[in-house]
Protein backbone atom coordinates (compact mmCIF):
# COMPACT_ATOMS: atom_id res chain seq x y z
CA MET A 1 120.97 31.52 103.05
CA GLN A 2 123.27 32.15 105.15
CA SER A 3 125.03 34.56 102.06
CA ARG A 4 121.70 36.37 101.32
CA PHE A 5 121.57 37.06 105.33
CA ILE A 6 125.30 39.10 105.06
CA ARG A 7 124.40 40.84 102.11
CA SER A 8 121.58 42.42 103.49
CA VAL A 9 122.91 42.80 107.16
CA ARG A 10 125.62 44.20 104.48
CA ASP A 11 123.66 46.64 102.93
CA SER A 12 121.82 47.83 106.35
CA ALA A 13 124.92 48.98 108.22
CA VAL A 14 126.23 50.40 104.77
CA SER A 15 123.15 52.98 104.46
CA ILE A 16 123.24 53.73 108.19
CA PHE A 17 126.91 54.92 107.85
CA GLU A 18 125.64 57.24 105.17
CA GLY A 19 123.07 59.17 106.64
CA LEU A 20 125.42 59.73 109.85
CA ALA A 21 128.27 60.50 107.77
CA VAL A 22 126.15 63.65 106.46
CA THR A 23 125.18 64.21 110.22
CA LEU A 24 128.91 64.49 111.20
CA SER A 25 130.01 66.34 108.32
CA TYR A 26 127.64 69.05 109.65
CA LEU A 27 130.33 69.52 112.68
CA PHE A 28 132.79 70.98 110.38
CA ARG A 29 130.74 72.95 109.28
CA LYS A 30 131.17 76.52 109.29
CA PRO A 31 126.72 77.31 111.18
CA VAL A 32 124.81 79.59 109.75
CA THR A 33 122.20 79.92 111.42
CA LEU A 34 121.87 83.76 111.77
CA GLN A 35 120.21 84.69 115.82
CA TYR A 36 117.44 87.19 114.20
CA PRO A 37 117.14 90.54 114.78
CA ASP A 38 120.23 90.84 117.22
CA ARG A 39 122.43 89.31 115.84
CA ILE A 40 123.04 89.30 111.77
CA PRO A 41 126.21 90.99 109.90
CA ARG A 42 123.77 92.90 107.11
CA PRO A 43 119.88 94.62 107.09
CA ILE A 44 117.21 90.80 106.85
CA PRO A 45 116.42 92.28 103.12
CA ASP A 46 119.52 92.24 101.94
CA LEU A 47 120.57 88.66 102.68
CA LEU A 48 116.97 87.36 101.41
CA PRO A 49 117.35 86.28 97.07
CA GLU A 50 115.54 87.70 94.70
CA THR A 51 112.76 85.46 94.20
CA PHE A 52 111.50 86.28 97.53
CA ARG A 53 107.93 88.06 97.87
CA GLY A 54 107.63 90.34 101.08
CA ILE A 55 105.74 93.49 100.52
CA ILE A 56 104.14 94.89 97.29
CA GLU A 57 105.44 97.72 95.88
CA ALA A 58 104.78 100.36 93.33
CA ASP A 59 107.46 102.22 91.34
CA THR A 60 104.94 104.91 90.19
CA ALA A 61 107.62 106.08 87.60
CA ILE A 62 107.56 103.29 85.34
CA CYS A 63 104.12 102.61 85.28
CA THR A 64 101.81 102.98 82.16
CA GLY A 65 98.71 103.08 83.97
CA CYS A 66 96.72 100.36 82.21
CA LEU A 67 95.19 98.87 85.97
CA ALA A 68 95.70 94.95 84.58
CA CYS A 69 97.35 94.36 88.18
CA MET A 70 93.81 96.33 90.08
CA LYS A 71 91.78 94.21 87.55
CA ARG A 72 94.51 90.56 87.77
CA CYS A 73 94.30 91.00 91.72
CA PRO A 74 91.63 88.57 93.32
CA ILE A 75 90.82 90.61 96.54
CA GLY A 76 90.86 94.13 96.00
CA VAL A 77 94.45 94.46 97.30
CA ILE A 78 95.32 97.59 95.03
CA ARG A 79 93.05 100.76 94.21
CA ILE A 80 94.45 102.71 91.24
CA GLU A 81 92.62 106.09 89.58
CA VAL A 82 94.43 107.16 86.41
CA GLU A 83 93.54 111.09 84.86
CA ARG A 84 93.17 110.62 81.06
CA ASN A 85 93.29 114.28 79.27
CA SER A 86 91.49 113.72 75.61
CA GLU A 87 93.19 116.59 73.83
CA THR A 88 96.88 115.92 75.00
CA LYS A 89 96.41 111.95 75.15
CA THR A 90 98.70 111.91 78.12
CA GLY A 91 97.32 110.37 81.94
CA THR A 92 98.16 110.75 85.79
CA ILE A 93 98.33 108.62 88.30
CA SER A 94 96.61 110.67 91.12
CA ARG A 95 96.35 107.36 93.49
CA PHE A 96 98.27 104.12 94.16
CA ASP A 97 97.27 102.39 97.15
CA VAL A 98 98.29 99.11 97.99
CA ASP A 99 96.87 97.04 101.14
CA ALA A 100 99.76 94.93 102.55
CA GLY A 101 97.72 93.52 105.68
CA LEU A 102 95.14 92.78 103.14
CA CYS A 103 97.61 91.25 100.05
CA MET A 104 97.89 87.21 100.22
CA VAL A 105 101.00 87.27 98.23
CA CYS A 106 100.07 85.30 95.36
CA GLY A 107 102.01 87.15 93.12
CA LEU A 108 99.44 87.89 90.27
CA CYS A 109 99.58 91.50 89.82
CA THR A 110 103.09 90.81 89.75
CA GLU A 111 102.89 88.80 86.39
CA VAL A 112 100.47 90.87 83.93
CA CYS A 113 102.71 94.83 84.42
CA PRO A 114 104.48 94.99 81.54
CA THR A 115 107.51 97.47 83.26
CA GLY A 116 107.67 95.56 85.90
CA ALA A 117 106.52 98.56 88.20
CA ILE A 118 103.97 96.51 90.99
CA ARG A 119 106.09 93.92 92.69
CA HIS A 120 107.88 92.05 96.38
CA CYS A 121 109.95 93.71 97.24
CA THR A 122 112.12 92.04 100.23
CA GLU A 123 110.88 93.84 103.42
CA PHE A 124 108.30 91.50 105.39
CA GLU A 125 107.96 93.55 108.50
CA GLY A 126 105.01 94.80 109.03
CA SER A 127 104.18 94.64 112.99
CA THR A 128 102.37 97.07 114.00
CA SER A 129 99.05 98.48 116.35
CA GLN A 130 97.60 100.54 113.47
CA LEU A 131 95.95 98.33 110.78
CA ILE A 132 95.46 101.07 108.98
CA ASN A 133 98.74 101.83 108.55
CA LEU A 134 99.48 98.71 106.87
CA VAL A 135 97.50 100.15 103.50
CA LEU A 136 100.28 101.77 101.52
CA HIS A 137 99.83 104.86 99.56
CA TYR A 138 102.66 104.96 96.53
CA VAL A 139 100.90 108.53 95.23
CA ARG A 140 100.26 111.02 97.82
CA PRO A 141 96.92 112.46 98.52
CA GLY A 142 96.94 115.63 96.32
CA ASP A 143 100.05 114.26 93.58
CA LYS A 144 99.80 113.67 89.78
CA VAL A 145 102.41 110.44 88.94
CA PRO A 146 102.59 111.27 85.03
CA VAL A 147 102.37 107.53 83.13
CA CYS A 148 105.83 106.28 81.79
CA ARG A 149 105.28 105.96 78.20
CA LEU A 150 106.79 102.52 76.16
CA SER A 151 109.68 103.17 74.03
CA LYS A 152 111.20 100.40 71.92
CA ASP A 153 114.76 102.94 72.32
CA SER A 154 114.94 103.24 75.58
CA PRO A 155 113.83 100.77 78.67
CA PRO A 156 111.98 102.31 81.52
CA GLN A 157 114.41 102.88 84.15
CA GLY A 158 113.13 102.75 87.97
CA LEU A 159 113.95 103.18 91.40
CA LYS A 160 116.15 100.81 92.78
CA ARG A 161 114.28 97.42 94.87
CA ASN A 162 113.15 98.53 98.22
CA GLU A 163 113.38 102.21 97.74
CA PRO A 164 109.49 102.74 96.76
CA TYR A 165 108.51 100.98 99.51
CA ARG A 166 111.15 103.02 102.15
CA ARG A 167 109.65 105.87 100.41
CA ALA A 168 105.82 104.92 101.35
CA ARG A 169 105.84 103.42 104.05
CA THR A 170 105.23 105.65 108.11
CA ALA A 171 105.97 105.51 111.09
CA TRP A 172 103.94 102.13 111.43
CA ASP A 173 102.66 103.07 114.64
CA GLU A 174 101.73 106.68 113.74
CA PRO A 175 98.16 107.75 112.67
CA ALA A 176 98.37 107.46 108.99
CA PRO A 177 95.76 110.12 106.85
CA VAL A 178 93.90 107.39 104.53
CA PRO A 179 91.30 108.16 102.44
CA PRO A 180 87.46 106.70 103.15
CA ASP A 181 87.47 104.80 100.57
CA ALA A 182 91.14 102.70 101.21
CA ALA A 183 91.52 99.59 99.72
CA ARG A 184 90.07 98.00 103.03
CA GLY A 185 87.04 100.58 103.59
CA GLU A 186 85.89 99.48 100.07
CA VAL A 187 85.92 95.69 100.35
CA ARG A 188 84.35 95.95 103.16
CA TRP A 189 81.21 98.00 101.90
CA LYS A 190 81.12 96.03 98.70
CA ARG A 191 80.64 92.44 100.95
CA ARG A 192 77.87 94.12 103.41
CA ARG A 193 75.96 95.96 100.13
CA ASN A 194 76.18 92.76 98.94
CA LYS A 195 74.78 90.74 101.70
CA GLU A 196 71.87 93.69 102.16
CA ALA A 197 70.67 93.31 98.48
CA ALA A 198 70.38 89.73 98.82
CA GLU A 199 68.37 89.56 102.24
């Protein structure tokens, strides 16, 4: 009886000191706290891991125009328009919009892309006073980008991570020219029409 009591006291003391040893070891380690955004050694996007899910970016240089990402998106964040030429059997992308304010960062669109043209970048700062500025235009109105053709010999070469996003992003608080049927507007009008039709 007495030996069991002594053993339990010893085990309790050992477990307490094991826990304290882990805590005390941090006294001799270099601190890893970043004082964001004032004093940081490098920009935060460069410090984040590759698996970080930030704002969706689209590299139109390697986009095949298959529309798989747009069809897979559960809330209609992505809007793509592809014009096909039946004679030359080629296509051009005339619109590629991503609504960063509506995106729930689920990653479903990135899983189905055959070339990795749509992906999460490590940029995440998107505060703005104009909500419509969160609609990112990866193809400017009036431009046409040829779709990428896949070949087994040469894999498609795209832009560096974060580069398409930085090119598409304008100043958040400047009024941006947005087509009237932008992604968010289309979702709202569809809901309103469905509600009116139900009544």
